[in-house]
Amino acid sequence: MSDLTRDLSGFIAGLPKAELHVHHVGSASPRAVAELAAQYPGVVPSDPVALAEFFAFRDFGHFIEVYLAVVDLIRTPEDIRLLTYEVAREMAVGQNLRYAELTCTPYTSVIRGIPIEAYGEAIEDARAAALRDFGLRLQWIYDIPGESGLPAADATLDYALNHPTDGLVAFGLGGPEVGVPRPQFQPHFEAARAAGLHSVPHAGETTGPQTIWDALTLLGAERIGHGTSAAQDPELLAHLAATGVPLEVCPSSNIATRAVERIEEHPIAAFRDAGVVITINSDDPPMFGTTLNREYEIAAGLLGLDEAGIGELAKAAVRASFADDAFKAGLSAEIDAYVATSGDV
C-alpha cells in the first residue's frame, strides 16, 4: 500500500510513543471521573451521558470549571492512586504510549488535606502498577501552579526537595501566564536544578516571546512548555534551534486557549522550518476533546508528513525526554522497527 493511500490514523494509533507535556488531573479519564463522581455525589454528573456532556469542551472558562471540579473529586490518597492508574491505562491502551512525563500539581491536593507523603506514595504505587500492567514507564514533573504565587512555589519546592519520589525528574511551572511573571520563580528553579531536577516551565503560550526568554535565561529551561509565541521572534527561533531546546507543542490546546485562532495558523511549521526541535503532546486531552493520537494526526497534516516523518517526530519526543540513554535507545529502535514494517501491512 502506498503512502498516498495509507490510513495515517491507523499508523499513528499503532506507533509507539512518548509524551512530555500532559497534566495529571487534566488527563482524568471519564472512567475514573465517573467512579469518583459516584463516591462524591453532586460535584459532577455521574450519569455517563451527562458526564460526557459536562466534559465536552466549550471554552476556556468551561475547561477551568471542569478541571477544578475534578480536583474537588480527589479527596484521598486512594483517589489519587485511582486517577493516576486510569490515566496510565488510557495512555498505554488507548494511545500506545511507552513513556510519559506526567505533570503533577501536588499543591492543589495538599491544600485540600492530603499529606505530601501520602500523595507521593499514591502516585508511586500507580507508577509501579502502570509498568507492571501496561508496560508504561511514568516519570513525574512537580509543577508550580503559577496563579497561586510564591506560597505555592515555596511549597512545591519543599515537596520536590524534602519529599521526593523515585519517579520525580523535573520541576515545572504552569497555570495562567498573564500576570504571573517568570522572574519571581528564579530562586525556586535554581534550587531545584541544584538538586538535580530538570527545568521545564510553561512559557509563551498566551504571552509574548519575552516570557520564553525569561524561562531560558532565568529559569534555566531545558524544554519549553508550548512556546507558541516564539514564532514572533526570529532571534528566539534561531536561539532555540542553535541550543536544541525543544518546544512541547500542543496544537488542540493552543486553539482551545485561543493562543492560536485557527489550526491552519498554527506556527508548528515555522518552528520546523527554523530548525527548532518539536515534540507533540496533548496537554489536558479529555478536557480539550483530543488524544495524543489526534495531535499527531493534526501535526502530520500541518507539516505534510508521511509515515517516516511521523516516526521521526515520535523519536524527537524520546530524545527530548529525561529517560536514561538505554531506554531511549530501546524505544527509538522500537519506533524504527514499526515504521520499517508498516509498509508490509
Protein backbone atom coordinates (compact mmCIF):
# COMPACT_ATOMS: atom_id res chain seq x y z
CA MET A 1 0.00 0.00 0.00
CA SER A 2 1.40 3.41 -0.96
CA ASP A 3 1.87 6.38 1.33
CA LEU A 4 -0.85 8.18 -0.60
CA THR A 5 -3.49 5.64 0.32
CA ARG A 6 -2.30 4.52 3.74
CA ASP A 7 -4.53 5.32 6.66
CA LEU A 8 -2.25 7.55 8.72
CA SER A 9 -4.63 7.46 11.67
CA GLY A 10 -4.20 3.70 11.87
CA PHE A 11 -0.44 4.04 11.54
CA ILE A 12 -0.35 6.66 14.31
CA ALA A 13 -2.54 4.56 16.59
CA GLY A 14 -0.05 1.70 16.45
CA LEU A 15 3.05 3.90 16.68
CA PRO A 16 4.97 3.51 19.98
CA LYS A 17 5.15 6.94 21.55
CA ALA A 18 6.45 9.08 24.40
CA GLU A 19 4.71 12.16 25.76
CA LEU A 20 6.32 15.05 27.63
CA HIS A 21 3.61 17.65 28.21
CA VAL A 22 0.50 16.15 29.74
CA HIS A 23 -1.17 17.08 33.01
CA HIS A 24 -2.11 14.63 35.75
CA VAL A 25 -5.56 15.92 36.73
CA GLY A 26 -6.15 17.26 33.22
CA SER A 27 -5.86 13.71 31.88
CA ALA A 28 -8.50 12.28 34.19
CA SER A 29 -10.27 9.59 32.21
CA PRO A 30 -14.08 9.52 32.07
CA ARG A 31 -13.87 6.09 33.71
CA ALA A 32 -12.02 7.49 36.73
CA VAL A 33 -14.17 10.61 36.95
CA ALA A 34 -17.35 8.51 36.84
CA GLU A 35 -16.06 6.31 39.65
CA LEU A 36 -15.10 9.30 41.77
CA ALA A 37 -18.39 11.05 40.99
CA ALA A 38 -20.27 8.05 42.32
CA GLN A 39 -18.30 8.32 45.58
CA TYR A 40 -18.84 12.06 45.91
CA PRO A 41 -22.28 12.93 44.51
CA GLY A 42 -23.11 16.45 43.45
CA VAL A 43 -19.69 17.60 42.22
CA VAL A 44 -20.06 16.42 38.61
CA PRO A 45 -22.74 14.33 36.90
CA SER A 46 -22.38 10.60 37.49
CA ASP A 47 -24.65 9.58 34.61
CA PRO A 48 -22.35 8.65 31.66
CA VAL A 49 -24.28 10.74 29.11
CA ALA A 50 -24.47 13.79 31.36
CA LEU A 51 -20.81 13.38 32.31
CA ALA A 52 -19.81 13.28 28.63
CA GLU A 53 -21.77 16.48 28.03
CA PHE A 54 -20.13 18.13 31.04
CA PHE A 55 -16.68 17.18 29.74
CA ALA A 56 -17.33 18.40 26.18
CA PHE A 57 -15.10 21.45 25.71
CA ARG A 58 -17.00 24.72 25.20
CA ASP A 59 -14.49 27.44 26.04
CA PHE A 60 -11.50 28.03 28.28
CA GLY A 61 -13.67 29.15 31.19
CA HIS A 62 -15.56 25.88 30.99
CA PHE A 63 -12.26 23.98 30.90
CA ILE A 64 -11.23 25.63 34.18
CA GLU A 65 -14.62 24.71 35.64
CA VAL A 66 -14.19 21.06 34.65
CA TYR A 67 -10.59 20.98 35.85
CA LEU A 68 -11.45 22.36 39.28
CA ALA A 69 -14.42 20.03 39.56
CA VAL A 70 -12.14 17.05 39.02
CA VAL A 71 -9.68 18.46 41.58
CA ASP A 72 -12.56 18.58 44.06
CA LEU A 73 -13.25 14.88 43.44
CA ILE A 74 -9.72 13.94 44.55
CA ARG A 75 -10.03 13.78 48.32
CA THR A 76 -7.96 10.82 49.50
CA PRO A 77 -4.69 9.12 48.56
CA GLU A 78 -6.80 6.28 47.15
CA ASP A 79 -8.45 8.77 44.80
CA ILE A 80 -5.04 9.94 43.60
CA ARG A 81 -3.97 6.37 43.03
CA LEU A 82 -7.14 5.63 41.05
CA LEU A 83 -6.77 8.77 38.94
CA THR A 84 -3.13 8.05 38.15
CA TYR A 85 -3.69 4.40 37.29
CA GLU A 86 -6.61 5.21 34.98
CA VAL A 87 -4.58 7.94 33.25
CA ALA A 88 -1.86 5.35 32.69
CA ARG A 89 -4.39 2.87 31.30
CA GLU A 90 -5.61 5.35 28.70
CA MET A 91 -2.06 6.33 27.78
CA ALA A 92 -0.91 2.78 27.24
CA VAL A 93 -4.03 1.06 25.94
CA GLY A 94 -5.64 3.99 24.14
CA GLN A 95 -2.58 5.85 22.79
CA ASN A 96 0.14 3.18 22.69
CA LEU A 97 2.44 5.19 24.93
CA ARG A 98 5.57 3.55 26.26
CA TYR A 99 6.80 6.52 28.31
CA ALA A 100 5.31 9.70 29.77
CA GLU A 101 6.46 12.56 31.94
CA LEU A 102 3.28 13.45 33.77
CA THR A 103 2.99 16.98 35.16
CA CYS A 104 1.63 16.76 38.70
CA THR A 105 0.49 19.67 40.86
CA PRO A 106 0.69 18.29 44.40
CA TYR A 107 -0.01 21.71 45.91
CA THR A 108 -3.69 21.55 44.95
CA SER A 109 -4.07 18.22 46.74
CA VAL A 110 -2.03 19.11 49.82
CA ILE A 111 -4.01 22.30 50.48
CA ARG A 112 -7.14 20.14 50.37
CA GLY A 113 -5.81 17.97 53.18
CA ILE A 114 -3.81 15.16 51.60
CA PRO A 115 -0.33 14.94 53.17
CA ILE A 116 2.50 15.16 50.66
CA GLU A 117 3.89 11.85 51.92
CA ALA A 118 0.59 10.12 51.11
CA TYR A 119 0.40 11.89 47.77
CA GLY A 120 3.85 10.61 46.82
CA GLU A 121 3.08 7.07 47.94
CA ALA A 122 -0.12 7.06 45.88
CA ILE A 123 1.45 8.16 42.60
CA GLU A 124 4.42 5.83 43.10
CA ASP A 125 2.11 2.87 43.71
CA ALA A 126 0.27 3.72 40.49
CA ARG A 127 3.58 4.13 38.66
CA ALA A 128 4.68 0.64 39.63
CA ALA A 129 1.29 -0.78 38.62
CA ALA A 130 1.40 1.01 35.26
CA LEU A 131 4.75 -0.55 34.44
CA ARG A 132 3.60 -3.98 35.61
CA ASP A 133 0.18 -3.98 33.96
CA PHE A 134 0.69 -1.86 30.84
CA GLY A 135 4.42 -1.70 30.20
CA LEU A 136 4.21 2.08 30.59
CA ARG A 137 7.06 3.94 32.22
CA LEU A 138 5.92 7.07 34.08
CA GLN A 139 8.03 9.90 35.45
CA TRP A 140 6.87 12.97 37.35
CA ILE A 141 7.22 16.72 36.89
CA TYR A 142 6.24 18.66 40.01
CA ASP A 143 4.52 21.79 38.81
CA ILE A 144 4.07 25.19 40.47
CA PRO A 145 0.51 26.47 39.89
CA GLY A 146 1.62 29.97 38.96
CA GLU A 147 -1.70 31.60 39.75
CA SER A 148 -1.19 30.66 43.42
CA GLY A 149 2.01 32.70 43.59
CA LEU A 150 5.09 32.38 45.73
CA PRO A 151 3.44 30.40 48.57
CA ALA A 152 2.67 27.63 46.08
CA ALA A 153 6.19 27.87 44.67
CA ASP A 154 7.72 27.58 48.15
CA ALA A 155 5.54 24.57 48.95
CA THR A 156 6.18 22.81 45.64
CA LEU A 157 9.92 23.25 46.04
CA ASP A 158 9.67 21.80 49.54
CA TYR A 159 7.80 18.78 48.19
CA ALA A 160 10.42 18.25 45.50
CA LEU A 161 13.46 18.65 47.73
CA ASN A 162 12.26 17.16 51.02
CA HIS A 163 9.67 14.62 49.88
CA PRO A 164 10.97 13.37 46.53
CA THR A 165 9.64 10.23 44.88
CA ASP A 166 11.62 7.78 42.79
CA GLY A 167 9.90 8.94 39.61
CA LEU A 168 10.48 12.68 40.07
CA VAL A 169 12.69 14.03 37.28
CA ALA A 170 11.76 17.68 36.72
CA PHE A 171 10.40 20.93 38.10
CA GLY A 172 7.75 22.89 36.20
CA LEU A 173 5.58 25.99 36.19
CA GLY A 174 2.04 26.06 34.81
CA GLY A 175 -1.23 27.86 35.14
CA PRO A 176 -2.10 31.23 33.59
CA GLU A 177 0.84 33.21 32.23
CA VAL A 178 -0.74 36.66 32.10
CA GLY A 179 0.03 38.46 35.35
CA VAL A 180 2.41 35.72 36.50
CA PRO A 181 5.93 36.90 35.58
CA ARG A 182 8.54 34.17 35.37
CA PRO A 183 11.43 36.05 37.08
CA GLN A 184 9.83 35.74 40.53
CA PHE A 185 10.35 31.97 40.40
CA GLN A 186 14.07 32.12 39.61
CA PRO A 187 15.22 31.14 43.14
CA HIS A 188 12.91 28.12 43.14
CA PHE A 189 14.20 26.84 39.83
CA GLU A 190 17.81 27.45 40.85
CA ALA A 191 17.28 25.34 43.97
CA ALA A 192 15.50 22.59 42.05
CA ARG A 193 18.22 22.46 39.41
CA ALA A 194 20.92 22.39 42.08
CA ALA A 195 19.18 19.30 43.47
CA GLY A 196 19.41 17.59 40.08
CA LEU A 197 15.92 18.23 38.75
CA HIS A 198 15.36 19.33 35.16
CA SER A 199 13.67 22.65 34.33
CA VAL A 200 10.51 22.53 32.20
CA PRO A 201 8.38 25.68 32.66
CA HIS A 202 5.42 26.68 30.53
CA ALA A 203 6.16 29.88 28.64
CA GLY A 204 4.94 31.83 25.65
CA GLU A 205 1.56 30.18 25.35
CA THR A 206 -0.64 33.22 25.95
CA THR A 207 2.14 35.79 26.45
CA GLY A 208 4.85 37.06 24.14
CA PRO A 209 8.38 35.89 23.39
CA GLN A 210 9.88 37.68 26.41
CA THR A 211 8.27 35.08 28.67
CA ILE A 212 10.21 32.40 26.79
CA TRP A 213 13.45 34.38 27.06
CA ASP A 214 12.83 34.67 30.82
CA ALA A 215 12.25 30.93 31.08
CA LEU A 216 15.50 30.25 29.26
CA THR A 217 17.76 32.82 30.90
CA LEU A 218 16.32 32.96 34.43
CA LEU A 219 14.74 29.54 34.97
CA GLY A 220 17.28 27.51 33.02
CA ALA A 221 14.57 25.88 30.88
CA GLU A 222 15.66 22.68 29.16
CA ARG A 223 12.34 22.39 27.34
CA ILE A 224 9.63 24.99 26.85
CA GLY A 225 6.01 24.14 27.53
CA HIS A 226 4.07 25.42 24.49
CA GLY A 227 6.36 28.30 23.39
CA THR A 228 3.76 29.30 20.80
CA SER A 229 4.78 32.95 20.62
CA ALA A 230 8.38 32.06 19.74
CA ALA A 231 7.26 32.36 16.13
CA GLN A 232 7.05 36.14 16.64
CA ASP A 233 10.79 36.46 17.35
CA PRO A 234 13.27 35.29 14.68
CA GLU A 235 16.19 35.74 17.10
CA LEU A 236 14.46 33.49 19.63
CA LEU A 237 13.77 30.84 16.98
CA ALA A 238 17.43 30.91 15.99
CA HIS A 239 18.46 30.59 19.64
CA LEU A 240 16.16 27.63 20.22
CA ALA A 241 17.46 25.94 17.09
CA ALA A 242 21.11 26.56 17.98
CA THR A 243 20.77 25.35 21.56
CA GLY A 244 18.46 22.45 20.77
CA VAL A 245 15.91 23.42 23.43
CA PRO A 246 12.72 21.59 22.39
CA LEU A 247 9.23 23.02 22.28
CA GLU A 248 6.41 20.94 23.74
CA VAL A 249 3.75 21.66 21.12
CA CYS A 250 0.07 21.01 21.93
CA PRO A 251 -1.95 22.06 18.85
CA SER A 252 -5.54 21.48 20.06
CA SER A 253 -4.77 23.07 23.41
CA ASN A 254 -3.44 26.17 21.65
CA ILE A 255 -6.72 26.51 19.76
CA ALA A 256 -8.80 25.96 22.89
CA THR A 257 -6.94 28.63 24.86
CA ARG A 258 -7.02 31.00 21.86
CA ALA A 259 -3.25 31.11 21.77
CA VAL A 260 -3.84 30.35 18.07
CA GLU A 261 -7.08 31.38 16.37
CA ARG A 262 -7.26 28.71 13.67
CA ILE A 263 -5.43 25.42 13.33
CA GLU A 264 -4.28 26.47 9.85
CA GLU A 265 -2.45 29.39 11.50
CA HIS A 266 -0.53 27.25 13.98
CA PRO A 267 3.21 28.09 13.91
CA ILE A 268 4.42 24.49 14.11
CA ALA A 269 5.66 24.59 10.50
CA ALA A 270 7.55 27.81 11.23
CA PHE A 271 9.23 26.06 14.15
CA ARG A 272 10.21 23.14 11.94
CA ASP A 273 11.48 25.38 9.16
CA ALA A 274 13.63 27.31 11.65
CA GLY A 275 15.25 24.08 12.83
CA VAL A 276 13.61 24.06 16.27
CA VAL A 277 13.12 20.68 17.93
CA ILE A 278 9.39 19.86 18.09
CA THR A 279 7.62 17.35 20.30
CA ILE A 280 3.89 16.59 20.05
CA ASN A 281 1.74 16.48 23.17
CA SER A 282 -1.90 16.51 24.29
CA ASP A 283 -1.77 18.75 27.43
CA ASP A 284 -5.20 18.01 29.00
CA PRO A 285 -6.65 15.55 26.47
CA PRO A 286 -10.14 14.63 27.75
CA MET A 287 -10.82 18.22 28.73
CA PHE A 288 -9.78 19.55 25.33
CA GLY A 289 -11.61 16.78 23.48
CA THR A 290 -8.48 15.26 21.99
CA THR A 291 -5.98 12.42 22.28
CA LEU A 292 -2.27 12.16 21.64
CA ASN A 293 -3.06 10.16 18.51
CA ARG A 294 -5.24 13.01 17.27
CA GLU A 295 -2.48 15.55 17.99
CA TYR A 296 -0.10 13.50 15.83
CA GLU A 297 -2.68 13.46 13.05
CA ILE A 298 -3.02 17.24 13.25
CA ALA A 299 0.76 17.73 13.27
CA ALA A 300 1.21 15.37 10.33
CA GLY A 301 -1.28 17.40 8.33
CA LEU A 302 0.26 20.75 9.23
CA LEU A 303 3.78 19.53 8.49
CA GLY A 304 2.97 17.41 5.45
CA LEU A 305 4.49 14.27 6.98
CA ASP A 306 4.41 10.71 5.72
CA GLU A 307 4.91 7.66 7.94
CA ALA A 308 8.68 8.08 8.09
CA GLY A 309 8.29 11.73 9.07
CA ILE A 310 5.79 10.85 11.77
CA GLY A 311 8.24 8.27 13.09
CA GLU A 312 10.95 10.93 13.29
CA LEU A 313 8.54 13.17 15.18
CA ALA A 314 7.91 10.37 17.67
CA LYS A 315 11.66 9.83 18.11
CA ALA A 316 12.15 13.55 18.78
CA ALA A 317 10.00 13.18 21.89
CA VAL A 318 12.07 10.22 23.02
CA ARG A 319 15.31 12.16 22.58
CA ALA A 320 13.90 15.19 24.40
CA SER A 321 12.75 13.08 27.35
CA PHE A 322 14.60 12.66 30.63
CA ALA A 323 14.66 8.88 30.35
CA ASP A 324 18.01 7.13 30.60
CA ASP A 325 20.03 6.56 27.44
CA ALA A 326 19.42 2.81 27.33
CA PHE A 327 15.65 3.28 27.48
CA LYS A 328 15.78 5.99 24.81
CA ALA A 329 17.79 3.72 22.51
CA GLY A 330 15.37 0.85 23.00
CA LEU A 331 12.24 2.91 22.35
CA SER A 332 13.79 4.63 19.34
CA ALA A 333 14.66 1.23 17.91
CA GLU A 334 11.09 0.05 18.51
CA ILE A 335 9.78 3.09 16.60
CA ASP A 336 12.21 2.43 13.72
CA ALA A 337 11.12 -1.20 13.54
CA TYR A 338 7.44 -0.22 13.49
CA VAL A 339 7.99 2.30 10.68
CA ALA A 340 10.07 -0.18 8.69
CA THR A 341 7.39 -2.89 8.85
CA SER A 342 4.36 -0.63 8.37
CA GLY A 343 4.59 -0.91 4.60
CA ASP A 344 4.16 -4.66 4.86
CA VAL A 345 0.73 -4.40 6.45
